[in-house]
Amino acid sequence: MKSQSIQELLSGKNVLQEVTVFGWVKTFRSNRFIALNDGSTLNNIQCVVNFEDFEDELLKQISTGAALKVTGTLVESQGKGQSVEIQVKNVEVLGSADPETYPIQPKKHSLEFLREKAHLRIRTNTFSAVMRVRSALSFAIHQYFRENGFYYVHTPIVTGSDAEGAGEMFRVSTLDAKNPPLTETGEVDYKEDFFGKETNLTVSGQLEAEAYAMALGKVYTFGPTFRAENSNTSRHLAEFWMVEPEVAFNDLDANMDLSEDFIKNVIKYVLEHCQEDLQFLEQRLLDEEKSKPQAERSEMALIEKLKFVAENNFKRVTYTEAIDILKNCKPNKKKKFKYIIDEWGADLQSEHERYLVEKHFQCPVILFDYPAKIKAFYMRLNEDGKTVRAMDILFPGIGEIVGGSQREERLDVLKQKISELGIDEKELWWYLDLRKFGTAVHSGFGLGFERLVLFTTGMGNIRDVIPFPRTPQNAEF
């Protein structure tokens, strides 16, 4: 007999039919009621056992975490809490779970404890809900770009160029770490390495995506990126996923339009397709915030916040306007900020971004026209010679969620910027070629996927929205 998912069975279409279902035991009460879950939905299905019909030895193996195959008749439930249940005819224990050692027992576990059990935490309601929402967001991203004429490009994970110029990269090498070959000057000789040069894990697929945009018009990447940044915060990971569209002939205004429309659409998709999981995560967040002082609680419930973002225009503000607002705001004047804003040119920190979004404008904000000195080399220089056509999207509770720009399409200006930053032109010869042969205005942005999942699920730590987090001193699993 073909098995069905619990989600299908709970729809009630197969009432009074014999069904087969596989899943893991959540609870087994009174030697009679099995709550079974298979990951297809937040909800369990109740399987009712007449214990007199089954061997004691078998019933003892039905404990939390055990994997079962259950066959029986789907009937309307007489009890509270479920519309249908299975009157069990046969139970097969596929894999037992010793109650003495299985760590995910039916009780409240801290998120810190569950991070240590990342291989099993997905069996909790919170993490199964988060990961279903993550999957839906991922699908919505691909669907959005497909429907809008983009081509999906797989850019390299191993690269010889540093797209951000920050130098915080993981080296890729096959050389003997204890006894590497050396040059005459005593430095490591990377000519002897696998690729014949120094290579790293990518921090961004942007530069390569630009090459494809300058032939296919509209492209996007969606893949893993790596930053060797020693940041032990709730917003940083060493390995995370980035969504990076690049569009030929788009200027900064078109880039801002695209990013806003994109974010609104993927959030709308989740609101439509993940109601059950979002309602659960909203209640979880409400319960969690009860222990916080009123001032630290969210002003909107999770679903209300998602609808607010999906249905309202983002506020567009220049960096210069933002600096004026921050210089004159109470937290800055009373020195409540950790980083005081006292002059134009300051690199905004998370506390500044969140003040603008959560206190001043009370909506998502797009900041644009940043000082050239605090932005990457590839961003287009404005006519004033001191700002670039960059933009960041700031979200409540998150800070920066998107960073993008109009790219510098003028060869002479790009070469000058590369020279000023001390970047070797030879490393970017192919990137400069794009400005020699058929150059044109083009723009793109990068969205940190985990930050989007963080916002959408209401979780407080980025380590809880990726299956196996990679952070400083932690590469477990």
Protein backbone atom coordinates (compact mmCIF):
# COMPACT_ATOMS: atom_id res chain seq x y z
CA MET A 1 0.00 0.00 0.00
CA LYS A 2 1.27 3.46 -0.93
CA SER A 3 2.06 5.59 2.12
CA GLN A 4 0.81 9.15 2.54
CA SER A 5 2.20 12.17 4.34
CA ILE A 6 0.64 13.30 7.60
CA GLN A 7 -0.19 16.62 5.94
CA GLU A 8 -2.28 14.73 3.34
CA LEU A 9 -4.01 12.59 5.97
CA LEU A 10 -4.94 15.59 8.12
CA SER A 11 -6.84 17.09 5.18
CA GLY A 12 -9.44 14.39 5.92
CA LYS A 13 -9.87 13.24 2.31
CA ASN A 14 -9.23 9.57 3.11
CA VAL A 15 -11.63 9.08 6.03
CA LEU A 16 -12.71 5.42 6.52
CA GLN A 17 -9.93 4.20 4.23
CA GLU A 18 -6.99 2.04 5.24
CA VAL A 19 -3.81 4.13 5.25
CA THR A 20 -0.09 3.68 5.84
CA VAL A 21 2.08 6.41 7.32
CA PHE A 22 5.72 6.68 8.37
CA GLY A 23 7.05 9.05 11.03
CA TRP A 24 8.76 9.65 14.34
CA VAL A 25 7.09 9.40 17.72
CA LYS A 26 6.58 12.72 19.50
CA THR A 27 4.79 11.21 22.50
CA PHE A 28 3.18 7.90 23.50
CA ARG A 29 0.53 8.30 26.21
CA SER A 30 -1.25 5.70 28.31
CA ASN A 31 0.09 2.85 26.14
CA ARG A 32 -2.63 3.96 23.73
CA PHE A 33 -2.12 7.31 21.97
CA ILE A 34 0.87 7.78 19.64
CA ALA A 35 1.51 11.34 18.41
CA LEU A 36 3.35 10.80 15.12
CA ASN A 37 5.12 13.41 12.97
CA ASP A 38 6.86 13.03 9.60
CA GLY A 39 8.07 16.60 9.01
CA SER A 40 5.47 17.40 6.34
CA THR A 41 3.54 19.61 8.78
CA LEU A 42 3.82 21.12 12.22
CA ASN A 43 0.87 18.99 13.33
CA ASN A 44 1.07 15.39 14.53
CA ILE A 45 -1.42 12.69 13.69
CA GLN A 46 -2.86 10.70 16.58
CA CYS A 47 -2.57 6.94 16.17
CA VAL A 48 -4.83 5.03 18.58
CA VAL A 49 -3.52 1.63 19.69
CA ASN A 50 -5.60 -1.07 21.36
CA PHE A 51 -2.74 -2.27 23.57
CA GLU A 52 -4.40 -5.63 24.20
CA ASP A 53 -3.79 -6.49 20.52
CA PHE A 54 -0.02 -5.89 20.67
CA GLU A 55 2.94 -7.52 22.43
CA ASP A 56 4.35 -5.68 25.46
CA GLU A 57 7.83 -5.94 23.97
CA LEU A 58 6.69 -3.97 20.91
CA LEU A 59 4.86 -1.31 22.95
CA LYS A 60 8.00 -0.72 25.06
CA GLN A 61 9.90 0.24 21.89
CA ILE A 62 7.37 2.95 21.01
CA SER A 63 9.07 5.91 22.71
CA THR A 64 9.81 9.53 21.80
CA GLY A 65 12.12 9.66 18.75
CA ALA A 66 11.44 6.13 17.51
CA ALA A 67 10.72 5.71 13.77
CA LEU A 68 7.49 3.83 12.98
CA LYS A 69 5.47 2.45 10.13
CA VAL A 70 1.78 2.57 11.05
CA THR A 71 -1.10 1.00 9.15
CA GLY A 72 -4.74 1.43 10.10
CA THR A 73 -8.08 3.07 9.33
CA LEU A 74 -8.36 6.85 9.17
CA VAL A 75 -11.44 7.90 11.15
CA GLU A 76 -12.97 11.10 12.46
CA SER A 77 -11.60 11.77 15.92
CA GLN A 78 -13.81 11.73 19.00
CA GLY A 79 -11.18 13.52 21.11
CA LYS A 80 -10.18 17.15 21.25
CA GLY A 81 -7.26 18.63 19.34
CA GLN A 82 -7.50 16.70 16.07
CA SER A 83 -10.11 16.21 13.37
CA VAL A 84 -8.97 12.74 12.29
CA GLU A 85 -6.96 9.89 13.80
CA ILE A 86 -5.74 6.44 12.83
CA GLN A 87 -7.24 3.32 14.43
CA VAL A 88 -4.06 1.24 14.36
CA LYS A 89 -4.07 -2.28 12.92
CA ASN A 90 -0.33 -2.75 12.63
CA VAL A 91 2.79 -1.01 14.00
CA GLU A 92 6.34 -1.69 12.87
CA VAL A 93 9.22 -0.13 14.83
CA LEU A 94 11.79 0.76 12.16
CA GLY A 95 14.26 2.32 14.57
CA SER A 96 14.05 2.61 18.35
CA ALA A 97 15.25 5.59 20.45
CA ASP A 98 16.42 4.82 23.97
CA PRO A 99 14.54 7.21 26.32
CA GLU A 100 17.57 7.24 28.65
CA THR A 101 19.89 8.72 25.98
CA TYR A 102 17.68 10.37 23.32
CA PRO A 103 18.18 14.11 24.04
CA ILE A 104 15.06 15.59 22.38
CA GLN A 105 12.50 14.59 24.98
CA PRO A 106 9.03 16.26 25.02
CA LYS A 107 9.95 19.22 27.22
CA LYS A 108 11.23 22.77 26.70
CA HIS A 109 14.87 22.90 25.58
CA SER A 110 17.02 26.05 25.39
CA LEU A 111 18.21 27.16 21.95
CA GLU A 112 21.82 26.95 23.25
CA PHE A 113 21.30 23.29 24.18
CA LEU A 114 19.73 22.57 20.79
CA ARG A 115 22.68 24.14 18.91
CA GLU A 116 24.83 21.43 20.51
CA LYS A 117 22.40 18.88 19.06
CA ALA A 118 22.07 20.47 15.61
CA HIS A 119 21.72 17.04 13.98
CA LEU A 120 18.57 16.33 16.04
CA ARG A 121 17.13 19.80 16.74
CA ILE A 122 15.14 19.69 13.47
CA ARG A 123 12.82 17.23 15.27
CA THR A 124 11.52 20.03 17.50
CA ASN A 125 8.51 22.09 16.44
CA THR A 126 10.51 25.33 16.39
CA PHE A 127 13.23 24.10 14.06
CA SER A 128 10.96 22.13 11.76
CA ALA A 129 8.84 25.29 11.34
CA VAL A 130 11.92 27.46 10.70
CA MET A 131 13.33 25.06 8.12
CA ARG A 132 10.04 24.70 6.26
CA VAL A 133 9.86 28.51 6.04
CA ARG A 134 13.50 28.56 4.87
CA SER A 135 12.67 26.06 2.14
CA ALA A 136 9.63 28.08 1.05
CA LEU A 137 11.70 31.30 0.90
CA SER A 138 14.32 29.51 -1.20
CA PHE A 139 11.66 28.32 -3.66
CA ALA A 140 10.06 31.80 -3.77
CA ILE A 141 13.43 33.36 -4.67
CA HIS A 142 13.95 31.06 -7.65
CA GLN A 143 10.33 31.52 -8.71
CA TYR A 144 10.57 35.33 -8.57
CA PHE A 145 13.66 35.47 -10.76
CA ARG A 146 12.33 32.91 -13.21
CA GLU A 147 9.07 34.84 -13.62
CA ASN A 148 11.02 38.07 -14.16
CA GLY A 149 13.31 36.83 -16.94
CA PHE A 150 16.49 36.13 -14.96
CA TYR A 151 18.96 33.31 -15.64
CA TYR A 152 20.42 31.33 -12.74
CA VAL A 153 24.25 31.30 -12.81
CA HIS A 154 26.51 29.08 -10.69
CA THR A 155 29.55 31.18 -9.83
CA PRO A 156 32.79 29.64 -8.47
CA ILE A 157 33.20 28.78 -4.81
CA VAL A 158 37.01 28.66 -5.16
CA THR A 159 38.32 32.01 -6.40
CA GLY A 160 41.52 34.00 -6.82
CA SER A 161 39.86 37.40 -6.32
CA ASP A 162 38.56 39.20 -3.23
CA ALA A 163 35.27 40.79 -4.31
CA GLU A 164 34.94 42.89 -1.15
CA GLY A 165 38.59 43.88 -0.76
CA ALA A 166 38.34 43.19 2.98
CA GLY A 167 40.82 40.33 3.02
CA GLU A 168 38.74 38.22 5.43
CA MET A 169 38.91 35.03 3.35
CA PHE A 170 39.43 31.31 3.93
CA ARG A 171 42.47 30.03 2.05
CA VAL A 172 42.18 26.94 -0.16
CA SER A 173 45.41 24.97 -0.43
CA THR A 174 46.78 21.45 -0.90
CA LEU A 175 50.28 22.42 0.30
CA ASP A 176 51.78 20.67 3.32
CA ALA A 177 50.83 22.99 6.20
CA LYS A 178 53.85 21.87 8.28
CA ASN A 179 56.41 22.05 5.48
CA PRO A 180 55.21 24.23 2.57
CA PRO A 181 57.51 24.99 -0.39
CA LEU A 182 59.19 28.39 -0.02
CA THR A 183 60.40 31.03 -2.48
CA GLU A 184 63.96 32.37 -2.41
CA THR A 185 62.72 35.16 -0.12
CA GLY A 186 61.26 32.66 2.36
CA GLU A 187 57.57 33.17 1.53
CA VAL A 188 55.14 30.33 0.77
CA ASP A 189 55.47 29.44 -2.93
CA TYR A 190 51.88 29.23 -4.17
CA LYS A 191 53.10 28.41 -7.68
CA GLU A 192 53.57 24.90 -6.26
CA ASP A 193 49.96 24.81 -5.03
CA PHE A 194 47.09 23.00 -6.78
CA PHE A 195 45.91 26.05 -8.75
CA GLY A 196 49.39 27.55 -9.16
CA LYS A 197 48.37 30.67 -7.24
CA GLU A 198 46.84 31.75 -3.93
CA THR A 199 43.13 30.88 -3.85
CA ASN A 200 40.27 31.31 -1.37
CA LEU A 201 36.66 30.44 -0.69
CA THR A 202 34.45 33.08 -2.27
CA VAL A 203 33.02 36.00 -0.28
CA SER A 204 30.65 36.83 -3.15
CA GLY A 205 29.69 35.65 -6.63
CA GLN A 206 29.14 39.24 -7.75
CA LEU A 207 32.16 39.84 -9.98
CA GLU A 208 31.55 36.67 -12.00
CA ALA A 209 27.80 37.40 -12.11
CA GLU A 210 28.61 40.80 -13.65
CA ALA A 211 30.41 39.02 -16.50
CA TYR A 212 27.28 36.95 -17.20
CA ALA A 213 24.94 39.94 -16.89
CA MET A 214 26.98 41.65 -19.60
CA ALA A 215 25.89 38.92 -22.01
CA LEU A 216 22.62 37.43 -20.70
CA GLY A 217 21.18 40.73 -19.43
CA LYS A 218 19.55 39.57 -16.16
CA VAL A 219 21.20 36.92 -13.99
CA TYR A 220 21.33 35.87 -10.35
CA THR A 221 23.43 33.65 -8.14
CA PHE A 222 22.18 31.86 -5.04
CA GLY A 223 24.87 29.93 -3.24
CA PRO A 224 27.19 29.61 -0.25
CA THR A 225 29.67 32.37 0.59
CA PHE A 226 32.38 32.50 3.24
CA ARG A 227 33.78 35.23 5.49
CA ALA A 228 36.69 34.62 7.87
CA GLU A 229 35.44 37.43 10.09
CA ASN A 230 35.98 36.75 13.79
CA SER A 231 32.48 37.95 14.74
CA ASN A 232 30.74 36.08 17.53
CA THR A 233 27.42 37.89 17.17
CA SER A 234 23.80 36.87 16.67
CA ARG A 235 23.94 38.26 13.10
CA HIS A 236 27.15 36.76 11.67
CA LEU A 237 28.11 33.38 10.22
CA ALA A 238 31.36 32.23 8.62
CA GLU A 239 29.40 30.27 6.01
CA PHE A 240 26.10 31.64 4.72
CA TRP A 241 24.01 31.82 1.56
CA MET A 242 23.78 34.88 -0.66
CA VAL A 243 21.27 35.89 -3.32
CA GLU A 244 22.97 38.14 -5.87
CA PRO A 245 21.16 39.47 -8.95
CA GLU A 246 23.06 41.51 -11.56
CA VAL A 247 21.25 43.42 -14.31
CA ALA A 248 22.75 45.05 -17.41
CA PHE A 249 21.45 48.58 -18.18
CA ASN A 250 19.96 49.05 -14.66
CA ASP A 251 20.97 52.22 -12.80
CA LEU A 252 20.76 52.67 -9.01
CA ASP A 253 17.09 53.68 -9.07
CA ALA A 254 16.13 50.55 -11.02
CA ASN A 255 18.29 48.51 -8.63
CA MET A 256 16.40 49.89 -5.61
CA ASP A 257 13.08 49.19 -7.34
CA LEU A 258 14.14 45.59 -8.07
CA SER A 259 15.38 44.87 -4.53
CA GLU A 260 12.22 46.24 -2.92
CA ASP A 261 9.90 44.38 -5.27
CA PHE A 262 11.89 41.17 -4.81
CA ILE A 263 11.78 41.24 -0.99
CA LYS A 264 8.06 42.06 -0.92
CA ASN A 265 7.26 39.22 -3.29
CA VAL A 266 9.15 36.49 -1.43
CA ILE A 267 7.62 37.60 1.90
CA LYS A 268 4.14 37.55 0.33
CA TYR A 269 4.81 34.00 -0.88
CA VAL A 270 5.65 32.83 2.64
CA LEU A 271 2.62 34.61 4.12
CA GLU A 272 0.44 32.72 1.66
CA HIS A 273 2.06 29.28 1.87
CA CYS A 274 3.41 28.96 5.43
CA GLN A 275 0.52 30.21 7.57
CA GLU A 276 0.58 27.30 10.02
CA ASP A 277 4.33 27.57 10.67
CA LEU A 278 4.24 31.38 10.90
CA GLN A 279 1.38 31.26 13.42
CA PHE A 280 3.39 28.84 15.54
CA LEU A 281 6.55 31.00 15.31
CA GLU A 282 4.52 34.11 16.13
CA GLN A 283 3.16 32.49 19.30
CA ARG A 284 6.66 31.29 20.20
CA LEU A 285 7.94 34.87 19.87
CA LEU A 286 5.07 36.28 21.97
CA ASP A 287 5.81 33.74 24.73
CA GLU A 288 9.54 34.53 24.60
CA GLU A 289 8.96 38.28 24.83
CA LYS A 290 6.76 38.04 27.92
CA SER A 291 9.95 37.82 30.00
CA LYS A 292 11.37 41.02 28.43
CA PRO A 293 10.74 44.60 29.63
CA GLN A 294 7.96 46.32 27.68
CA ALA A 295 10.45 48.64 25.93
CA GLU A 296 12.33 45.67 24.43
CA ARG A 297 9.25 43.89 23.06
CA SER A 298 8.34 44.01 19.38
CA GLU A 299 5.76 46.64 18.56
CA MET A 300 4.16 44.31 16.01
CA ALA A 301 3.44 40.59 16.11
CA LEU A 302 5.40 38.53 13.56
CA ILE A 303 2.71 38.13 10.88
CA GLU A 304 1.64 41.77 11.22
CA LYS A 305 5.29 42.83 10.76
CA LEU A 306 5.67 40.69 7.61
CA LYS A 307 2.47 42.14 6.15
CA PHE A 308 3.66 45.65 6.99
CA VAL A 309 6.88 45.11 5.02
CA ALA A 310 5.08 43.43 2.12
CA GLU A 311 2.41 46.11 1.79
CA ASN A 312 4.25 49.43 2.44
CA ASN A 313 6.84 51.36 0.47
CA PHE A 314 10.39 51.39 1.79
CA LYS A 315 11.65 54.85 2.78
CA ARG A 316 14.55 56.06 0.58
CA VAL A 317 17.08 58.31 2.32
CA THR A 318 20.57 59.51 1.35
CA TYR A 319 23.49 58.66 3.61
CA THR A 320 23.98 62.42 4.18
CA GLU A 321 20.38 62.82 5.41
CA ALA A 322 20.81 59.77 7.66
CA ILE A 323 23.98 61.20 9.23
CA ASP A 324 22.16 64.47 10.02
CA ILE A 325 19.32 62.54 11.67
CA LEU A 326 21.75 60.42 13.71
CA LYS A 327 23.98 63.36 14.77
CA ASN A 328 20.96 65.18 16.17
CA CYS A 329 19.10 62.25 17.74
CA LYS A 330 18.77 61.76 21.52
CA PRO A 331 20.81 58.53 21.83
CA ASN A 332 23.73 60.20 20.05
CA LYS A 333 23.56 63.46 22.01
CA LYS A 334 23.25 61.59 25.32
CA LYS A 335 26.08 59.23 24.26
CA LYS A 336 23.82 56.16 24.46
CA PHE A 337 25.27 54.81 21.18
CA LYS A 338 28.36 52.66 21.52
CA TYR A 339 29.71 54.37 18.39
CA ILE A 340 29.03 58.14 18.53
CA ILE A 341 28.25 59.83 15.21
CA ASP A 342 30.10 63.12 15.07
CA GLU A 343 31.04 63.59 11.42
CA TRP A 344 30.10 62.79 7.85
CA GLY A 345 31.94 59.71 6.59
CA ALA A 346 31.31 57.46 9.60
CA ASP A 347 30.65 53.80 8.83
CA LEU A 348 27.17 53.08 10.20
CA GLN A 349 26.90 50.30 12.79
CA SER A 350 23.94 48.03 13.51
CA GLU A 351 22.77 50.30 16.36
CA HIS A 352 22.55 53.28 13.96
CA GLU A 353 20.78 51.29 11.26
CA ARG A 354 18.23 49.94 13.73
CA TYR A 355 17.60 53.40 15.20
CA LEU A 356 16.75 54.76 11.72
CA VAL A 357 14.42 51.84 10.96
CA GLU A 358 12.81 51.14 14.31
CA LYS A 359 12.68 54.55 16.00
CA HIS A 360 12.93 57.32 13.42
CA PHE A 361 11.18 56.09 10.25
CA GLN A 362 9.46 52.99 11.70
CA CYS A 363 9.59 51.18 8.36
CA PRO A 364 12.25 49.50 6.16
CA VAL A 365 14.76 52.07 4.87
CA ILE A 366 16.93 52.18 1.75
CA LEU A 367 20.05 54.30 2.35
CA PHE A 368 21.96 55.38 -0.76
CA ASP A 369 24.89 57.52 -1.97
CA TYR A 370 27.46 56.43 0.63
CA PRO A 371 30.98 57.89 1.07
CA ALA A 372 33.35 56.20 -1.41
CA LYS A 373 35.93 55.58 1.34
CA ILE A 374 33.72 53.13 3.25
CA LYS A 375 32.48 51.17 0.21
CA ALA A 376 34.00 48.62 -2.18
CA PHE A 377 36.09 49.48 -5.27
CA TYR A 378 33.51 48.38 -7.85
CA MET A 379 30.81 50.92 -6.89
CA ARG A 380 30.17 53.79 -9.33
CA LEU A 381 31.67 57.11 -8.29
CA ASN A 382 29.20 60.02 -8.24
CA GLU A 383 29.94 63.35 -9.91
CA ASP A 384 30.82 64.88 -6.51
CA GLY A 385 33.90 62.63 -6.42
CA LYS A 386 33.31 61.62 -2.79
CA THR A 387 30.17 59.44 -2.79
CA VAL A 388 29.29 56.26 -4.68
CA ARG A 389 26.03 54.91 -6.10
CA ALA A 390 25.66 52.37 -3.28
CA MET A 391 22.51 51.34 -1.45
CA ASP A 392 21.73 49.29 1.65
CA ILE A 393 18.31 48.07 2.76
CA LEU A 394 17.80 48.20 6.52
CA PHE A 395 15.19 46.08 8.30
CA PRO A 396 13.72 46.25 11.83
CA GLY A 397 15.45 43.89 14.24
CA ILE A 398 18.13 43.03 11.67
CA GLY A 399 19.84 46.17 10.41
CA GLU A 400 21.38 45.70 6.96
CA ILE A 401 19.71 42.91 4.97
CA VAL A 402 20.72 43.97 1.43
CA GLY A 403 23.82 45.71 0.09
CA GLY A 404 24.05 46.79 -3.53
CA SER A 405 25.19 49.39 -6.00
CA GLN A 406 25.39 50.64 -9.52
CA ARG A 407 28.70 49.18 -10.70
CA GLU A 408 31.55 51.34 -12.02
CA GLU A 409 31.35 50.87 -15.80
CA ARG A 410 34.08 53.41 -16.75
CA LEU A 411 37.45 51.74 -17.29
CA ASP A 412 39.60 54.74 -16.38
CA VAL A 413 37.73 55.41 -13.11
CA LEU A 414 37.77 51.72 -12.12
CA LYS A 415 41.52 51.45 -12.79
CA GLN A 416 42.15 54.52 -10.67
CA LYS A 417 40.09 53.13 -7.76
CA ILE A 418 41.88 49.76 -7.95
CA SER A 419 45.24 51.54 -7.93
CA GLU A 420 44.33 53.71 -4.92
CA LEU A 421 43.35 50.60 -2.92
CA GLY A 422 46.59 48.81 -3.81
CA ILE A 423 44.79 45.96 -5.62
CA ASP A 424 46.89 44.18 -8.28
CA GLU A 425 45.37 44.89 -11.71
CA LYS A 426 46.63 41.52 -12.95
CA GLU A 427 44.27 39.77 -10.50
CA LEU A 428 41.28 41.53 -12.09
CA TRP A 429 42.36 41.60 -15.75
CA TRP A 430 39.19 39.79 -16.82
CA TYR A 431 36.97 42.12 -14.77
CA LEU A 432 38.60 45.14 -16.45
CA ASP A 433 37.98 43.51 -19.84
CA LEU A 434 34.24 43.89 -19.22
CA ARG A 435 34.83 47.67 -19.29
CA LYS A 436 36.87 47.47 -22.51
CA PHE A 437 34.43 45.46 -24.59
CA GLY A 438 30.83 46.70 -24.72
CA THR A 439 30.67 48.35 -21.30
CA ALA A 440 27.33 49.70 -20.08
CA VAL A 441 25.59 50.88 -16.93
CA HIS A 442 24.72 47.86 -14.76
CA SER A 443 23.71 47.23 -11.16
CA GLY A 444 23.13 44.50 -8.63
CA PHE A 445 22.79 43.65 -4.96
CA GLY A 446 23.46 40.92 -2.44
CA LEU A 447 20.91 39.67 0.07
CA GLY A 448 22.11 37.60 3.01
CA PHE A 449 19.63 34.73 2.86
CA GLU A 450 19.91 33.82 6.55
CA ARG A 451 19.12 37.40 7.55
CA LEU A 452 15.94 37.18 5.48
CA VAL A 453 15.05 33.87 7.18
CA LEU A 454 15.83 35.46 10.57
CA PHE A 455 13.43 38.33 9.87
CA THR A 456 10.70 36.09 8.45
CA THR A 457 10.72 33.57 11.30
CA GLY A 458 11.20 36.01 14.19
CA MET A 459 14.17 34.03 15.53
CA GLY A 460 16.73 36.01 17.51
CA ASN A 461 19.99 34.34 16.44
CA ILE A 462 21.24 33.65 12.92
CA ARG A 463 22.69 30.31 14.12
CA ASP A 464 19.13 29.06 14.48
CA VAL A 465 18.04 29.60 10.86
CA ILE A 466 20.76 27.57 9.08
CA PRO A 467 20.93 23.77 9.48
CA PHE A 468 24.56 23.52 10.68
CA PRO A 469 26.01 26.92 11.67
CA ARG A 470 29.68 27.67 11.05
CA THR A 471 31.04 30.26 13.48
CA PRO A 472 34.42 31.05 15.11
CA GLN A 473 35.72 27.97 16.96
CA ASN A 474 32.77 25.89 15.73
CA ALA A 475 32.68 23.55 12.74
CA GLU A 476 30.85 20.67 14.43
CA PHE A 477 28.69 18.26 12.37
